[in-house]
Amino acid sequence: MNLGRIRNLYTSKVKPIIIAYAEAHGNRAAGRESNVGESYIWEWRRMKERLKKNATNKTCRERDKCKVSRSGVLEWVMDRRKRGIAISMTEIRFQAILIAKQNKIDDYKESVS
């Protein structure tokens, strides 16, 4: 059974390339060409200046919160997915906060919204 696209993480170096293609050919065409949802391209176009400023080979979340992601959030998510348990972004943020507190990472900033 095909459930649609597989989610990918795109680095902030790749996003401007996709944005440039979208500006020349349209969001839908860029989405088909790069296998990205059209709504993501809309969001990236809104964040265009910020993406240019932060262009690296890492995703935004890797750069900002790498201490916590290495500290167990990924393992927690993968464990939940293996067991077939649905996970919301709020749960992931909450878990990141808990792991940061457990690992005494004082400069970690995240909000559960």
C-alpha atoms as a PDB file:
ATOM      1  CA  MET A   1       0.000   0.000   0.000  1.00  0.00           C
ATOM      2  CA  ASN A   2       1.392   3.397  -1.017  1.00  0.00           C
ATOM      3  CA  LEU A   3       0.757   6.113   1.562  1.00  0.00           C
ATOM      4  CA  GLY A   4       2.265   8.975  -0.462  1.00  0.00           C
ATOM      5  CA  ARG A   5       5.604  10.702  -0.257  1.00  0.00           C
ATOM      6  CA  ILE A   6       8.350   9.699   2.111  1.00  0.00           C
ATOM      7  CA  ARG A   7       9.435  12.615   4.277  1.00  0.00           C
ATOM      8  CA  ASN A   8      12.963  13.849   3.720  1.00  0.00           C
ATOM      9  CA  LEU A   9      15.127  16.395   5.472  1.00  0.00           C
ATOM     10  CA  TYR A  10      16.509  19.032   3.150  1.00  0.00           C
ATOM     11  CA  THR A  11      19.594  21.018   4.108  1.00  0.00           C
ATOM     12  CA  SER A  12      19.543  24.790   3.987  1.00  0.00           C
ATOM     13  CA  LYS A  13      21.942  24.583   1.001  1.00  0.00           C
ATOM     14  CA  VAL A  14      19.446  22.577  -1.066  1.00  0.00           C
ATOM     15  CA  LYS A  15      16.382  24.659  -0.219  1.00  0.00           C
ATOM     16  CA  PRO A  16      17.559  27.816  -2.075  1.00  0.00           C
ATOM     17  CA  ILE A  17      18.104  25.715  -5.201  1.00  0.00           C
ATOM     18  CA  ILE A  18      14.550  24.411  -5.000  1.00  0.00           C
ATOM     19  CA  ILE A  19      13.287  27.951  -4.292  1.00  0.00           C
ATOM     20  CA  ALA A  20      15.082  29.296  -7.381  1.00  0.00           C
ATOM     21  CA  TYR A  21      13.492  26.575  -9.509  1.00  0.00           C
ATOM     22  CA  ALA A  22      10.088  27.411  -8.007  1.00  0.00           C
ATOM     23  CA  GLU A  23      10.527  31.100  -8.814  1.00  0.00           C
ATOM     24  CA  ALA A  24      11.307  30.254 -12.430  1.00  0.00           C
ATOM     25  CA  HIS A  25       8.788  27.459 -13.011  1.00  0.00           C
ATOM     26  CA  GLY A  26       6.229  27.656 -10.185  1.00  0.00           C
ATOM     27  CA  ASN A  27       5.816  25.865  -6.859  1.00  0.00           C
ATOM     28  CA  ARG A  28       3.942  22.880  -8.242  1.00  0.00           C
ATOM     29  CA  ALA A  29       6.572  22.195 -10.924  1.00  0.00           C
ATOM     30  CA  ALA A  30       9.362  22.567  -8.366  1.00  0.00           C
ATOM     31  CA  GLY A  31       7.572  20.150  -6.070  1.00  0.00           C
ATOM     32  CA  ARG A  32       7.240  17.545  -8.791  1.00  0.00           C
ATOM     33  CA  GLU A  33      10.854  18.010  -9.904  1.00  0.00           C
ATOM     34  CA  SER A  34      12.338  17.712  -6.403  1.00  0.00           C
ATOM     35  CA  ASN A  35       9.680  15.426  -4.852  1.00  0.00           C
ATOM     36  CA  VAL A  36       8.768  18.027  -2.223  1.00  0.00           C
ATOM     37  CA  GLY A  37       5.267  18.972  -1.163  1.00  0.00           C
ATOM     38  CA  GLU A  38       4.061  22.273  -2.612  1.00  0.00           C
ATOM     39  CA  SER A  39       3.254  23.597   0.869  1.00  0.00           C
ATOM     40  CA  TYR A  40       6.891  23.133   1.931  1.00  0.00           C
ATOM     41  CA  ILE A  41       8.029  25.191  -1.030  1.00  0.00           C
ATOM     42  CA  TRP A  42       5.595  27.964  -0.097  1.00  0.00           C
ATOM     43  CA  GLU A  43       7.019  27.960   3.435  1.00  0.00           C
ATOM     44  CA  TRP A  44      10.620  27.946   2.218  1.00  0.00           C
ATOM     45  CA  ARG A  45       9.924  30.864  -0.121  1.00  0.00           C
ATOM     46  CA  ARG A  46       8.614  32.841   2.844  1.00  0.00           C
ATOM     47  CA  MET A  47      11.810  32.005   4.766  1.00  0.00           C
ATOM     48  CA  LYS A  48      14.087  32.690   1.777  1.00  0.00           C
ATOM     49  CA  GLU A  49      16.278  35.365   3.367  1.00  0.00           C
ATOM     50  CA  ARG A  50      16.771  33.397   6.567  1.00  0.00           C
ATOM     51  CA  LEU A  51      17.732  30.301   4.571  1.00  0.00           C
ATOM     52  CA  LYS A  52      20.325  32.257   2.580  1.00  0.00           C
ATOM     53  CA  LYS A  53      21.838  33.611   5.784  1.00  0.00           C
ATOM     54  CA  ASN A  54      22.065  30.174   7.400  1.00  0.00           C
ATOM     55  CA  ALA A  55      23.168  28.123   4.375  1.00  0.00           C
ATOM     56  CA  THR A  56      25.060  25.085   5.657  1.00  0.00           C
ATOM     57  CA  ASN A  57      25.014  21.369   5.007  1.00  0.00           C
ATOM     58  CA  LYS A  58      22.995  20.822   8.160  1.00  0.00           C
ATOM     59  CA  THR A  59      19.261  21.131   8.590  1.00  0.00           C
ATOM     60  CA  CYS A  60      18.126  24.039  10.769  1.00  0.00           C
ATOM     61  CA  ARG A  61      17.187  21.743  13.634  1.00  0.00           C
ATOM     62  CA  GLU A  62      20.528  19.898  13.516  1.00  0.00           C
ATOM     63  CA  ARG A  63      22.423  23.165  13.782  1.00  0.00           C
ATOM     64  CA  ASP A  64      20.301  24.643  16.577  1.00  0.00           C
ATOM     65  CA  LYS A  65      19.610  21.632  18.730  1.00  0.00           C
ATOM     66  CA  CYS A  66      22.270  19.055  17.983  1.00  0.00           C
ATOM     67  CA  LYS A  67      23.095  18.484  21.654  1.00  0.00           C
ATOM     68  CA  VAL A  68      19.593  17.273  22.433  1.00  0.00           C
ATOM     69  CA  SER A  69      19.106  15.295  19.217  1.00  0.00           C
ATOM     70  CA  ARG A  70      22.247  13.324  20.037  1.00  0.00           C
ATOM     71  CA  SER A  71      21.030  12.859  23.579  1.00  0.00           C
ATOM     72  CA  GLY A  72      18.191  10.526  22.840  1.00  0.00           C
ATOM     73  CA  VAL A  73      15.305  12.181  21.006  1.00  0.00           C
ATOM     74  CA  LEU A  74      16.048  10.271  17.820  1.00  0.00           C
ATOM     75  CA  GLU A  75      16.250   6.988  19.696  1.00  0.00           C
ATOM     76  CA  TRP A  76      12.966   7.790  21.467  1.00  0.00           C
ATOM     77  CA  VAL A  77      11.204   8.579  18.181  1.00  0.00           C
ATOM     78  CA  MET A  78      12.540   5.471  16.429  1.00  0.00           C
ATOM     79  CA  ASP A  79      11.465   3.282  19.350  1.00  0.00           C
ATOM     80  CA  ARG A  80       7.947   4.724  19.273  1.00  0.00           C
ATOM     81  CA  ARG A  81       7.701   4.265  15.502  1.00  0.00           C
ATOM     82  CA  LYS A  82       8.899   0.648  15.733  1.00  0.00           C
ATOM     83  CA  ARG A  83       6.110  -0.050  18.212  1.00  0.00           C
ATOM     84  CA  GLY A  84       3.588   1.614  15.886  1.00  0.00           C
ATOM     85  CA  ILE A  85       2.818   4.499  18.236  1.00  0.00           C
ATOM     86  CA  ALA A  86       1.845   7.787  16.600  1.00  0.00           C
ATOM     87  CA  ILE A  87       3.949  10.797  17.577  1.00  0.00           C
ATOM     88  CA  SER A  88       3.024  14.463  17.356  1.00  0.00           C
ATOM     89  CA  MET A  89       5.456  17.363  17.094  1.00  0.00           C
ATOM     90  CA  THR A  90       4.296  18.502  20.537  1.00  0.00           C
ATOM     91  CA  GLU A  91       5.308  15.145  22.010  1.00  0.00           C
ATOM     92  CA  ILE A  92       8.709  15.326  20.324  1.00  0.00           C
ATOM     93  CA  ARG A  93       9.292  18.848  21.665  1.00  0.00           C
ATOM     94  CA  PHE A  94       8.201  17.785  25.144  1.00  0.00           C
ATOM     95  CA  GLN A  95      10.533  14.775  25.014  1.00  0.00           C
ATOM     96  CA  ALA A  96      13.409  17.019  23.850  1.00  0.00           C
ATOM     97  CA  ILE A  97      12.797  19.299  26.847  1.00  0.00           C
ATOM     98  CA  LEU A  98      12.805  16.324  29.218  1.00  0.00           C
ATOM     99  CA  ILE A  99      15.996  14.912  27.739  1.00  0.00           C
ATOM    100  CA  ALA A 100      17.686  18.330  27.877  1.00  0.00           C
ATOM    101  CA  LYS A 101      16.783  18.614  31.572  1.00  0.00           C
ATOM    102  CA  GLN A 102      18.020  15.083  32.275  1.00  0.00           C
ATOM    103  CA  ASN A 103      21.324  15.857  30.524  1.00  0.00           C
ATOM    104  CA  LYS A 104      21.613  19.241  32.252  1.00  0.00           C
ATOM    105  CA  ILE A 105      21.653  21.209  28.989  1.00  0.00           C
ATOM    106  CA  ASP A 106      20.837  24.656  30.332  1.00  0.00           C
ATOM    107  CA  ASP A 107      20.944  26.627  27.083  1.00  0.00           C
ATOM    108  CA  TYR A 108      18.315  24.483  25.333  1.00  0.00           C
ATOM    109  CA  LYS A 109      15.314  26.563  24.302  1.00  0.00           C
ATOM    110  CA  GLU A 110      12.143  24.873  23.103  1.00  0.00           C
ATOM    111  CA  SER A 111       8.505  25.498  23.764  1.00  0.00           C
ATOM    112  CA  VAL A 112       5.630  23.051  23.754  1.00  0.00           C
ATOM    113  CA  SER A 113       2.901  24.666  21.719  1.00  0.00           C
END
